[in-house]
Structure formats: C-alpha cells, structure tokens
PDB file of all heavy atoms in Angstrom:
ATOM      1  N   PRO A   1    -160.222  52.195  48.159  1.00  0.00           N
ATOM      2  CA  PRO A   1    -160.712  50.912  47.661  1.00  0.00           C
ATOM      3  C   PRO A   1    -160.246  49.725  48.505  1.00  0.00           C
ATOM      4  O   PRO A   1    -161.027  48.801  48.763  1.00  0.00           O
ATOM      5  CB  PRO A   1    -160.158  50.845  46.235  1.00  0.00           C
ATOM      6  CG  PRO A   1    -160.106  52.287  45.818  1.00  0.00           C
ATOM      7  CD  PRO A   1    -159.665  53.015  47.076  1.00  0.00           C
ATOM      8  N   PHE A   2    -159.002  49.743  48.964  1.00  0.00           N
ATOM      9  CA  PHE A   2    -158.525  48.642  49.795  1.00  0.00           C
ATOM     10  C   PHE A   2    -159.325  48.529  51.082  1.00  0.00           C
ATOM     11  O   PHE A   2    -159.643  47.422  51.537  1.00  0.00           O
ATOM     12  CB  PHE A   2    -157.033  48.781  50.121  1.00  0.00           C
ATOM     13  CG  PHE A   2    -156.545  47.696  51.043  1.00  0.00           C
ATOM     14  CD1 PHE A   2    -156.272  46.430  50.550  1.00  0.00           C
ATOM     15  CD2 PHE A   2    -156.396  47.928  52.398  1.00  0.00           C
ATOM     16  CE1 PHE A   2    -155.851  45.420  51.405  1.00  0.00           C
ATOM     17  CE2 PHE A   2    -155.977  46.921  53.250  1.00  0.00           C
ATOM     18  CZ  PHE A   2    -155.699  45.656  52.749  1.00  0.00           C
ATOM     19  N   ASP A   3    -159.653  49.654  51.692  1.00  0.00           N
ATOM     20  CA  ASP A   3    -160.427  49.641  52.937  1.00  0.00           C
ATOM     21  C   ASP A   3    -161.832  49.088  52.709  1.00  0.00           C
ATOM     22  O   ASP A   3    -162.350  48.331  53.538  1.00  0.00           O
ATOM     23  CB  ASP A   3    -160.515  51.046  53.534  1.00  0.00           C
ATOM     24  CG  ASP A   3    -159.156  51.581  53.940  1.00  0.00           C
ATOM     25  OD1 ASP A   3    -158.296  50.785  54.361  1.00  0.00           O
ATOM     26  OD2 ASP A   3    -158.951  52.805  53.820  1.00  0.00           O
ATOM     27  N   ILE A   4    -162.424  49.447  51.591  1.00  0.00           N
ATOM     28  CA  ILE A   4    -163.750  48.924  51.248  1.00  0.00           C
ATOM     29  C   ILE A   4    -163.666  47.410  51.062  1.00  0.00           C
ATOM     30  O   ILE A   4    -164.503  46.656  51.569  1.00  0.00           O
ATOM     31  CB  ILE A   4    -164.293  49.615  49.983  1.00  0.00           C
ATOM     32  CG1 ILE A   4    -164.506  51.107  50.249  1.00  0.00           C
ATOM     33  CG2 ILE A   4    -165.587  48.962  49.520  1.00  0.00           C
ATOM     34  CD1 ILE A   4    -164.712  51.941  49.000  1.00  0.00           C
ATOM     35  N   PHE A   5    -162.622  46.964  50.345  1.00  0.00           N
ATOM     36  CA  PHE A   5    -162.425  45.524  50.150  1.00  0.00           C
ATOM     37  C   PHE A   5    -162.188  44.819  51.482  1.00  0.00           C
ATOM     38  O   PHE A   5    -162.756  43.757  51.740  1.00  0.00           O
ATOM     39  CB  PHE A   5    -161.256  45.251  49.194  1.00  0.00           C
ATOM     40  CG  PHE A   5    -160.984  43.790  49.045  1.00  0.00           C
ATOM     41  CD1 PHE A   5    -161.780  42.999  48.227  1.00  0.00           C
ATOM     42  CD2 PHE A   5    -159.970  43.178  49.761  1.00  0.00           C
ATOM     43  CE1 PHE A   5    -161.565  41.629  48.120  1.00  0.00           C
ATOM     44  CE2 PHE A   5    -159.741  41.819  49.657  1.00  0.00           C
ATOM     45  CZ  PHE A   5    -160.541  41.045  48.836  1.00  0.00           C
ATOM     46  N   SER A   6    -161.355  45.402  52.326  1.00  0.00           N
ATOM     47  CA  SER A   6    -161.047  44.790  53.630  1.00  0.00           C
ATOM     48  C   SER A   6    -162.296  44.622  54.482  1.00  0.00           C
ATOM     49  O   SER A   6    -162.479  43.583  55.119  1.00  0.00           O
ATOM     50  CB  SER A   6    -160.030  45.641  54.393  1.00  0.00           C
ATOM     51  OG  SER A   6    -158.800  45.652  53.721  1.00  0.00           O
ATOM     52  N   ASP A   7    -163.153  45.639  54.482  1.00  0.00           N
ATOM     53  CA  ASP A   7    -164.405  45.547  55.241  1.00  0.00           C
ATOM     54  C   ASP A   7    -165.267  44.396  54.725  1.00  0.00           C
ATOM     55  O   ASP A   7    -165.839  43.622  55.501  1.00  0.00           O
ATOM     56  CB  ASP A   7    -165.192  46.856  55.157  1.00  0.00           C
ATOM     57  CG  ASP A   7    -164.541  48.000  55.908  1.00  0.00           C
ATOM     58  OD1 ASP A   7    -163.602  47.764  56.710  1.00  0.00           O
ATOM     59  OD2 ASP A   7    -164.954  49.161  55.681  1.00  0.00           O
ATOM     60  N   ALA A   8    -165.345  44.271  53.396  1.00  0.00           N
ATOM     61  CA  ALA A   8    -166.144  43.195  52.800  1.00  0.00           C
ATOM     62  C   ALA A   8    -165.529  41.829  53.090  1.00  0.00           C
ATOM     63  O   ALA A   8    -166.250  40.866  53.360  1.00  0.00           O
ATOM     64  CB  ALA A   8    -166.260  43.411  51.294  1.00  0.00           C
ATOM     65  N   ALA A   9    -164.201  41.755  53.048  1.00  0.00           N
ATOM     66  CA  ALA A   9    -163.527  40.486  53.329  1.00  0.00           C
ATOM     67  C   ALA A   9    -163.769  40.059  54.782  1.00  0.00           C
ATOM     68  O   ALA A   9    -164.020  38.889  55.065  1.00  0.00           O
ATOM     69  CB  ALA A   9    -162.030  40.600  53.053  1.00  0.00           C
ATOM     70  N   ARG A  10    -163.719  41.009  55.697  1.00  0.00           N
ATOM     71  CA  ARG A  10    -163.998  40.690  57.107  1.00  0.00           C
ATOM     72  C   ARG A  10    -165.415  40.165  57.266  1.00  0.00           C
ATOM     73  O   ARG A  10    -165.641  39.167  57.949  1.00  0.00           O
ATOM     74  CB  ARG A  10    -163.788  41.920  57.992  1.00  0.00           C
ATOM     75  CG  ARG A  10    -164.162  41.667  59.451  1.00  0.00           C
ATOM     76  CD  ARG A  10    -163.863  42.846  60.327  1.00  0.00           C
ATOM     77  NE  ARG A  10    -162.478  42.907  60.702  1.00  0.00           N
ATOM     78  CZ  ARG A  10    -161.906  42.160  61.652  1.00  0.00           C
ATOM     79  NH1 ARG A  10    -162.617  41.289  62.311  1.00  0.00           N
ATOM     80  NH2 ARG A  10    -160.642  42.275  61.926  1.00  0.00           N
ATOM     81  N   LYS A  11    -166.372  40.814  56.621  1.00  0.00           N
ATOM     82  CA  LYS A  11    -167.768  40.346  56.702  1.00  0.00           C
ATOM     83  C   LYS A  11    -167.906  38.946  56.119  1.00  0.00           C
ATOM     84  O   LYS A  11    -168.646  38.107  56.654  1.00  0.00           O
ATOM     85  CB  LYS A  11    -168.699  41.321  55.980  1.00  0.00           C
ATOM     86  CG  LYS A  11    -168.902  42.598  56.734  1.00  0.00           C
ATOM     87  CD  LYS A  11    -169.771  43.576  55.987  1.00  0.00           C
ATOM     88  CE  LYS A  11    -169.834  44.886  56.757  1.00  0.00           C
ATOM     89  NZ  LYS A  11    -170.342  45.967  55.960  1.00  0.00           N
ATOM     90  N   LYS A  12    -167.173  38.670  55.046  1.00  0.00           N
ATOM     91  CA  LYS A  12    -167.207  37.338  54.437  1.00  0.00           C
ATOM     92  C   LYS A  12    -166.666  36.302  55.420  1.00  0.00           C
ATOM     93  O   LYS A  12    -167.275  35.241  55.622  1.00  0.00           O
ATOM     94  CB  LYS A  12    -166.379  37.338  53.146  1.00  0.00           C
ATOM     95  CG  LYS A  12    -166.263  36.012  52.459  1.00  0.00           C
ATOM     96  CD  LYS A  12    -167.536  35.636  51.751  1.00  0.00           C
ATOM     97  CE  LYS A  12    -167.338  34.394  50.904  1.00  0.00           C
ATOM     98  NZ  LYS A  12    -168.481  34.124  50.045  1.00  0.00           N
ATOM     99  N   VAL A  13    -165.533  36.596  56.045  1.00  0.00           N
ATOM    100  CA  VAL A  13    -164.943  35.661  57.012  1.00  0.00           C
ATOM    101  C   VAL A  13    -165.878  35.468  58.201  1.00  0.00           C
ATOM    102  O   VAL A  13    -166.066  34.345  58.675  1.00  0.00           O
ATOM    103  CB  VAL A  13    -163.546  36.151  57.471  1.00  0.00           C
ATOM    104  CG1 VAL A  13    -163.016  35.326  58.625  1.00  0.00           C
ATOM    105  CG2 VAL A  13    -162.561  36.110  56.294  1.00  0.00           C
ATOM    106  N   GLU A  14    -166.476  36.540  58.664  1.00  0.00           N
ATOM    107  CA  GLU A  14    -167.420  36.434  59.791  1.00  0.00           C
ATOM    108  C   GLU A  14    -168.621  35.565  59.422  1.00  0.00           C
ATOM    109  O   GLU A  14    -169.115  34.807  60.258  1.00  0.00           O
ATOM    110  CB  GLU A  14    -167.887  37.834  60.219  1.00  0.00           C
ATOM    111  CG  GLU A  14    -166.811  38.619  60.920  1.00  0.00           C
ATOM    112  CD  GLU A  14    -167.170  40.083  61.148  1.00  0.00           C
ATOM    113  OE1 GLU A  14    -168.167  40.568  60.551  1.00  0.00           O
ATOM    114  OE2 GLU A  14    -166.445  40.745  61.903  1.00  0.00           O
ATOM    115  N   SER A  15    -169.063  35.638  58.164  1.00  0.00           N
ATOM    116  CA  SER A  15    -170.197  34.812  57.748  1.00  0.00           C
ATOM    117  C   SER A  15    -169.798  33.356  57.559  1.00  0.00           C
ATOM    118  O   SER A  15    -170.588  32.450  57.800  1.00  0.00           O
ATOM    119  CB  SER A  15    -170.823  35.361  56.468  1.00  0.00           C
ATOM    120  OG  SER A  15    -170.016  35.120  55.344  1.00  0.00           O
ATOM    121  N   LEU A  16    -168.565  33.128  57.132  1.00  0.00           N
ATOM    122  CA  LEU A  16    -168.079  31.754  56.943  1.00  0.00           C
ATOM    123  C   LEU A  16    -167.767  31.063  58.266  1.00  0.00           C
ATOM    124  O   LEU A  16    -167.954  29.856  58.396  1.00  0.00           O
ATOM    125  CB  LEU A  16    -166.811  31.761  56.078  1.00  0.00           C
ATOM    126  CG  LEU A  16    -166.983  32.144  54.619  1.00  0.00           C
ATOM    127  CD1 LEU A  16    -165.627  32.380  53.967  1.00  0.00           C
ATOM    128  CD2 LEU A  16    -167.759  31.066  53.874  1.00  0.00           C
ATOM    129  N   PHE A  17    -167.270  31.844  59.235  1.00  0.00           N
ATOM    130  CA  PHE A  17    -166.838  31.292  60.514  1.00  0.00           C
ATOM    131  C   PHE A  17    -167.449  32.088  61.668  1.00  0.00           C
ATOM    132  O   PHE A  17    -166.746  32.741  62.442  1.00  0.00           O
ATOM    133  CB  PHE A  17    -165.305  31.314  60.616  1.00  0.00           C
ATOM    134  CG  PHE A  17    -164.602  30.725  59.438  1.00  0.00           C
ATOM    135  CD1 PHE A  17    -163.814  31.508  58.607  1.00  0.00           C
ATOM    136  CD2 PHE A  17    -164.708  29.365  59.144  1.00  0.00           C
ATOM    137  CE1 PHE A  17    -163.149  30.964  57.516  1.00  0.00           C
ATOM    138  CE2 PHE A  17    -164.047  28.817  58.055  1.00  0.00           C
ATOM    139  CZ  PHE A  17    -163.268  29.625  57.236  1.00  0.00           C
ATOM    140  N   PRO A  18    -168.772  32.051  61.810  1.00  0.00           N
ATOM    141  CA  PRO A  18    -169.419  32.881  62.833  1.00  0.00           C
ATOM    142  C   PRO A  18    -169.002  32.537  64.258  1.00  0.00           C
ATOM    143  O   PRO A  18    -169.048  33.398  65.137  1.00  0.00           O
ATOM    144  CB  PRO A  18    -170.916  32.606  62.610  1.00  0.00           C
ATOM    145  CG  PRO A  18    -170.977  31.327  61.859  1.00  0.00           C
ATOM    146  CD  PRO A  18    -169.725  31.226  61.065  1.00  0.00           C
ATOM    147  N   GLU A  19    -168.565  31.322  64.466  1.00  0.00           N
ATOM    148  CA  GLU A  19    -168.162  30.913  65.817  1.00  0.00           C
ATOM    149  C   GLU A  19    -166.781  31.451  66.208  1.00  0.00           C
ATOM    150  O   GLU A  19    -166.374  31.354  67.364  1.00  0.00           O
ATOM    151  CB  GLU A  19    -168.170  29.381  65.914  1.00  0.00           C
ATOM    152  CG  GLU A  19    -167.083  28.663  65.124  1.00  0.00           C
ATOM    153  CD  GLU A  19    -167.258  28.654  63.604  1.00  0.00           C
ATOM    154  OE1 GLU A  19    -168.329  28.991  63.082  1.00  0.00           O
ATOM    155  OE2 GLU A  19    -166.282  28.305  62.913  1.00  0.00           O
ATOM    156  N   ALA A  20    -166.059  32.041  65.276  1.00  0.00           N
ATOM    157  CA  ALA A  20    -164.683  32.472  65.523  1.00  0.00           C
ATOM    158  C   ALA A  20    -164.588  33.732  66.378  1.00  0.00           C
ATOM    159  O   ALA A  20    -163.602  33.925  67.072  1.00  0.00           O
ATOM    160  CB  ALA A  20    -163.958  32.686  64.202  1.00  0.00           C
ATOM    161  N   GLY A  21    -165.588  34.580  66.313  1.00  0.00           N
ATOM    162  CA  GLY A  21    -165.564  35.804  67.125  1.00  0.00           C
ATOM    163  C   GLY A  21    -164.337  36.655  66.864  1.00  0.00           C
ATOM    164  O   GLY A  21    -163.952  36.897  65.723  1.00  0.00           O
ATOM    165  N   ASN A  22    -163.681  37.086  67.949  1.00  0.00           N
ATOM    166  CA  ASN A  22    -162.515  37.960  67.841  1.00  0.00           C
ATOM    167  C   ASN A  22    -161.272  37.273  67.285  1.00  0.00           C
ATOM    168  O   ASN A  22    -160.300  37.942  66.965  1.00  0.00           O
ATOM    169  CB  ASN A  22    -162.188  38.577  69.200  1.00  0.00           C
ATOM    170  CG  ASN A  22    -163.215  39.601  69.612  1.00  0.00           C
ATOM    171  OD1 ASN A  22    -163.935  40.152  68.773  1.00  0.00           O
ATOM    172  ND2 ASN A  22    -163.310  39.852  70.903  1.00  0.00           N
ATOM    173  N   LYS A  23    -161.301  35.954  67.188  1.00  0.00           N
ATOM    174  CA  LYS A  23    -160.151  35.241  66.617  1.00  0.00           C
ATOM    175  C   LYS A  23    -159.905  35.643  65.166  1.00  0.00           C
ATOM    176  O   LYS A  23    -158.818  35.474  64.654  1.00  0.00           O
ATOM    177  CB  LYS A  23    -160.365  33.724  66.685  1.00  0.00           C
ATOM    178  CG  LYS A  23    -160.267  33.133  68.066  1.00  0.00           C
ATOM    179  CD  LYS A  23    -160.437  31.633  67.941  1.00  0.00           C
ATOM    180  CE  LYS A  23    -160.311  30.931  69.249  1.00  0.00           C
ATOM    181  NZ  LYS A  23    -160.449  29.465  69.069  1.00  0.00           N
ATOM    182  N   ILE A  24    -160.928  36.168  64.525  1.00  0.00           N
ATOM    183  CA  ILE A  24    -160.802  36.591  63.129  1.00  0.00           C
ATOM    184  C   ILE A  24    -159.685  37.627  62.983  1.00  0.00           C
ATOM    185  O   ILE A  24    -158.997  37.651  61.965  1.00  0.00           O
ATOM    186  CB  ILE A  24    -162.146  37.127  62.593  1.00  0.00           C
ATOM    187  CG1 ILE A  24    -163.108  35.940  62.416  1.00  0.00           C
ATOM    188  CG2 ILE A  24    -161.970  37.892  61.286  1.00  0.00           C
ATOM    189  CD1 ILE A  24    -164.526  36.322  62.090  1.00  0.00           C
ATOM    190  N   ASP A  25    -159.480  38.435  64.009  1.00  0.00           N
ATOM    191  CA  ASP A  25    -158.436  39.461  63.947  1.00  0.00           C
ATOM    192  C   ASP A  25    -157.069  38.876  63.624  1.00  0.00           C
ATOM    193  O   ASP A  25    -156.267  39.521  62.959  1.00  0.00           O
ATOM    194  CB  ASP A  25    -158.348  40.226  65.269  1.00  0.00           C
ATOM    195  CG  ASP A  25    -159.578  41.098  65.516  1.00  0.00           C
ATOM    196  OD1 ASP A  25    -160.305  41.399  64.544  1.00  0.00           O
ATOM    197  OD2 ASP A  25    -159.809  41.472  66.681  1.00  0.00           O
ATOM    198  N   LYS A  26    -156.799  37.649  64.090  1.00  0.00           N
ATOM    199  CA  LYS A  26    -155.467  37.079  63.877  1.00  0.00           C
ATOM    200  C   LYS A  26    -155.261  36.528  62.462  1.00  0.00           C
ATOM    201  O   LYS A  26    -154.131  36.306  62.061  1.00  0.00           O
ATOM    202  CB  LYS A  26    -155.153  36.012  64.926  1.00  0.00           C
ATOM    203  CG  LYS A  26    -155.821  34.685  64.732  1.00  0.00           C
ATOM    204  CD  LYS A  26    -155.377  33.674  65.799  1.00  0.00           C
ATOM    205  CE  LYS A  26    -155.897  32.294  65.493  1.00  0.00           C
ATOM    206  NZ  LYS A  26    -155.412  31.297  66.404  1.00  0.00           N
ATOM    207  N   ILE A  27    -156.330  36.353  61.704  1.00  0.00           N
ATOM    208  CA  ILE A  27    -156.168  35.773  60.362  1.00  0.00           C
ATOM    209  C   ILE A  27    -156.604  36.694  59.233  1.00  0.00           C
ATOM    210  O   ILE A  27    -156.351  36.401  58.066  1.00  0.00           O
ATOM    211  CB  ILE A  27    -156.926  34.424  60.226  1.00  0.00           C
ATOM    212  CG1 ILE A  27    -158.440  34.591  60.452  1.00  0.00           C
ATOM    213  CG2 ILE A  27    -156.358  33.378  61.155  1.00  0.00           C
ATOM    214  CD1 ILE A  27    -159.245  34.344  59.224  1.00  0.00           C
ATOM    215  N   ILE A  28    -157.246  37.819  59.544  1.00  0.00           N
ATOM    216  CA  ILE A  28    -157.842  38.616  58.481  1.00  0.00           C
ATOM    217  C   ILE A  28    -156.810  39.182  57.504  1.00  0.00           C
ATOM    218  O   ILE A  28    -157.026  39.159  56.289  1.00  0.00           O
ATOM    219  CB  ILE A  28    -158.790  39.711  59.031  1.00  0.00           C
ATOM    220  CG1 ILE A  28    -159.665  40.268  57.921  1.00  0.00           C
ATOM    221  CG2 ILE A  28    -158.029  40.792  59.758  1.00  0.00           C
ATOM    222  CD1 ILE A  28    -160.604  39.302  57.283  1.00  0.00           C
ATOM    223  N   SER A  29    -155.690  39.679  57.984  1.00  0.00           N
ATOM    224  CA  SER A  29    -154.683  40.249  57.069  1.00  0.00           C
ATOM    225  C   SER A  29    -154.119  39.209  56.110  1.00  0.00           C
ATOM    226  O   SER A  29    -154.086  39.446  54.901  1.00  0.00           O
ATOM    227  CB  SER A  29    -153.564  40.937  57.846  1.00  0.00           C
ATOM    228  OG  SER A  29    -154.066  42.107  58.446  1.00  0.00           O
ATOM    229  N   PRO A  30    -153.660  38.049  56.607  1.00  0.00           N
ATOM    230  CA  PRO A  30    -153.168  37.054  55.652  1.00  0.00           C
ATOM    231  C   PRO A  30    -154.277  36.516  54.748  1.00  0.00           C
ATOM    232  O   PRO A  30    -154.032  36.220  53.574  1.00  0.00           O
ATOM    233  CB  PRO A  30    -152.548  35.957  56.508  1.00  0.00           C
ATOM    234  CG  PRO A  30    -152.963  36.222  57.905  1.00  0.00           C
ATOM    235  CD  PRO A  30    -153.401  37.645  57.996  1.00  0.00           C
ATOM    236  N   PHE A  31    -155.493  36.408  55.262  1.00  0.00           N
ATOM    237  CA  PHE A  31    -156.616  35.960  54.440  1.00  0.00           C
ATOM    238  C   PHE A  31    -156.819  36.927  53.266  1.00  0.00           C
ATOM    239  O   PHE A  31    -156.956  36.504  52.115  1.00  0.00           O
ATOM    240  CB  PHE A  31    -157.895  35.870  55.285  1.00  0.00           C
ATOM    241  CG  PHE A  31    -159.123  35.521  54.485  1.00  0.00           C
ATOM    242  CD1 PHE A  31    -159.433  34.195  54.218  1.00  0.00           C
ATOM    243  CD2 PHE A  31    -159.970  36.509  54.009  1.00  0.00           C
ATOM    244  CE1 PHE A  31    -160.570  33.857  53.479  1.00  0.00           C
ATOM    245  CE2 PHE A  31    -161.108  36.191  53.265  1.00  0.00           C
ATOM    246  CZ  PHE A  31    -161.402  34.861  52.995  1.00  0.00           C
ATOM    247  N   ILE A  32    -156.835  38.213  53.555  1.00  0.00           N
ATOM    248  CA  ILE A  32    -157.000  39.215  52.509  1.00  0.00           C
ATOM    249  C   ILE A  32    -155.887  39.084  51.474  1.00  0.00           C
ATOM    250  O   ILE A  32    -156.143  39.092  50.267  1.00  0.00           O
ATOM    251  CB  ILE A  32    -157.052  40.632  53.112  1.00  0.00           C
ATOM    252  CG1 ILE A  32    -158.369  40.829  53.859  1.00  0.00           C
ATOM    253  CG2 ILE A  32    -156.843  41.702  52.045  1.00  0.00           C
ATOM    254  CD1 ILE A  32    -158.435  42.084  54.707  1.00  0.00           C
ATOM    255  N   GLY A  33    -154.652  38.955  51.939  1.00  0.00           N
ATOM    256  CA  GLY A  33    -153.526  38.807  51.018  1.00  0.00           C
ATOM    257  C   GLY A  33    -153.660  37.581  50.139  1.00  0.00           C
ATOM    258  O   GLY A  33    -153.410  37.642  48.921  1.00  0.00           O
ATOM    259  N   ASP A  34    -154.072  36.466  50.716  1.00  0.00           N
ATOM    260  CA  ASP A  34    -154.244  35.235  49.945  1.00  0.00           C
ATOM    261  C   ASP A  34    -155.348  35.354  48.913  1.00  0.00           C
ATOM    262  O   ASP A  34    -155.182  34.943  47.759  1.00  0.00           O
ATOM    263  CB  ASP A  34    -154.541  34.040  50.869  1.00  0.00           C
ATOM    264  CG  ASP A  34    -153.310  33.543  51.606  1.00  0.00           C
ATOM    265  OD1 ASP A  34    -152.184  33.936  51.252  1.00  0.00           O
ATOM    266  OD2 ASP A  34    -153.495  32.750  52.552  1.00  0.00           O
ATOM    267  N   VAL A  35    -156.466  35.915  49.313  1.00  0.00           N
ATOM    268  CA  VAL A  35    -157.602  36.040  48.398  1.00  0.00           C
ATOM    269  C   VAL A  35    -157.257  36.976  47.233  1.00  0.00           C
ATOM    270  O   VAL A  35    -157.602  36.708  46.087  1.00  0.00           O
ATOM    271  CB  VAL A  35    -158.863  36.508  49.159  1.00  0.00           C
ATOM    272  CG1 VAL A  35    -159.988  36.860  48.218  1.00  0.00           C
ATOM    273  CG2 VAL A  35    -159.316  35.430  50.132  1.00  0.00           C
ATOM    274  N   LEU A  36    -156.552  38.051  47.523  1.00  0.00           N
ATOM    275  CA  LEU A  36    -156.117  38.942  46.442  1.00  0.00           C
ATOM    276  C   LEU A  36    -155.137  38.242  45.517  1.00  0.00           C
ATOM    277  O   LEU A  36    -155.248  38.336  44.289  1.00  0.00           O
ATOM    278  CB  LEU A  36    -155.473  40.212  47.021  1.00  0.00           C
ATOM    279  CG  LEU A  36    -156.418  41.190  47.712  1.00  0.00           C
ATOM    280  CD1 LEU A  36    -155.627  42.280  48.415  1.00  0.00           C
ATOM    281  CD2 LEU A  36    -157.407  41.799  46.732  1.00  0.00           C
ATOM    282  N   SER A  37    -154.183  37.515  46.100  1.00  0.00           N
ATOM    283  CA  SER A  37    -153.158  36.834  45.298  1.00  0.00           C
ATOM    284  C   SER A  37    -153.767  35.806  44.354  1.00  0.00           C
ATOM    285  O   SER A  37    -153.283  35.629  43.228  1.00  0.00           O
ATOM    286  CB  SER A  37    -152.134  36.160  46.207  1.00  0.00           C
ATOM    287  OG  SER A  37    -151.410  37.137  46.908  1.00  0.00           O
ATOM    288  N   ILE A  38    -154.811  35.127  44.797  1.00  0.00           N
ATOM    289  CA  ILE A  38    -155.475  34.136  43.951  1.00  0.00           C
ATOM    290  C   ILE A  38    -155.952  34.783  42.644  1.00  0.00           C
ATOM    291  O   ILE A  38    -155.936  34.161  41.590  1.00  0.00           O
ATOM    292  CB  ILE A  38    -156.668  33.490  44.703  1.00  0.00           C
ATOM    293  CG1 ILE A  38    -156.167  32.595  45.812  1.00  0.00           C
ATOM    294  CG2 ILE A  38    -157.570  32.724  43.746  1.00  0.00           C
ATOM    295  CD1 ILE A  38    -157.253  32.177  46.788  1.00  0.00           C
ATOM    296  N   LYS A  39    -156.352  36.040  42.726  1.00  0.00           N
ATOM    297  CA  LYS A  39    -156.854  36.772  41.555  1.00  0.00           C
ATOM    298  C   LYS A  39    -155.746  37.604  40.896  1.00  0.00           C
ATOM    299  O   LYS A  39    -156.023  38.507  40.113  1.00  0.00           O
ATOM    300  CB  LYS A  39    -158.022  37.679  41.948  1.00  0.00           C
ATOM    301  CG  LYS A  39    -159.220  36.931  42.483  1.00  0.00           C
ATOM    302  CD  LYS A  39    -159.855  36.036  41.433  1.00  0.00           C
ATOM    303  CE  LYS A  39    -161.120  35.416  41.977  1.00  0.00           C
ATOM    304  NZ  LYS A  39    -161.763  34.530  41.043  1.00  0.00           N
ATOM    305  N   ASN A  40    -154.493  37.305  41.238  1.00  0.00           N
ATOM    306  CA  ASN A  40    -153.335  38.003  40.664  1.00  0.00           C
ATOM    307  C   ASN A  40    -153.324  39.502  40.957  1.00  0.00           C
ATOM    308  O   ASN A  40    -152.880  40.313  40.136  1.00  0.00           O
ATOM    309  CB  ASN A  40    -153.225  37.752  39.155  1.00  0.00           C
ATOM    310  CG  ASN A  40    -152.988  36.294  38.860  1.00  0.00           C
ATOM    311  OD1 ASN A  40    -152.158  35.650  39.489  1.00  0.00           O
ATOM    312  ND2 ASN A  40    -153.724  35.762  37.905  1.00  0.00           N
ATOM    313  N   ILE A  41    -153.817  39.855  42.128  1.00  0.00           N
ATOM    314  CA  ILE A  41    -153.764  41.233  42.615  1.00  0.00           C
ATOM    315  C   ILE A  41    -152.724  41.248  43.731  1.00  0.00           C
ATOM    316  O   ILE A  41    -152.724  40.352  44.584  1.00  0.00           O
ATOM    317  CB  ILE A  41    -155.144  41.677  43.155  1.00  0.00           C
ATOM    318  CG1 ILE A  41    -156.187  41.629  42.030  1.00  0.00           C
ATOM    319  CG2 ILE A  41    -155.061  43.076  43.765  1.00  0.00           C
ATOM    320  CD1 ILE A  41    -157.605  41.838  42.499  1.00  0.00           C
ATOM    321  N   PRO A  42    -151.823  42.228  43.734  1.00  0.00           N
ATOM    322  CA  PRO A  42    -150.788  42.258  44.772  1.00  0.00           C
ATOM    323  C   PRO A  42    -151.388  42.190  46.179  1.00  0.00           C
ATOM    324  O   PRO A  42    -152.327  42.914  46.501  1.00  0.00           O
ATOM    325  CB  PRO A  42    -150.079  43.596  44.539  1.00  0.00           C
ATOM    326  CG  PRO A  42    -150.356  43.935  43.119  1.00  0.00           C
ATOM    327  CD  PRO A  42    -151.717  43.373  42.823  1.00  0.00           C
TER     328      PRO A  42
END
C-alpha cells in the first residue's frame, strides 16, 4: 500500500510542478511524510 501511495504522490507532485523535472526526487520523500502527517498517518 505504501508503494501504491508513493507512486500516486509522485504523480500528484509532477502534475503540480511539471517544470520541476528530476528535481522532484529531492523533495518527494519529505512531501509524502508531510502529506501523510496532515491526515494523522505516521
């Protein structure tokens, strides 16, 4: 389930910031953690 969520989160970030390209790699892990935390998920 985490991998499925991670794939969807990456696609979301890519759609929000299409100009970012490979830079997304540097923020995707903390982004995922923040988005989960907002919903009270570890």
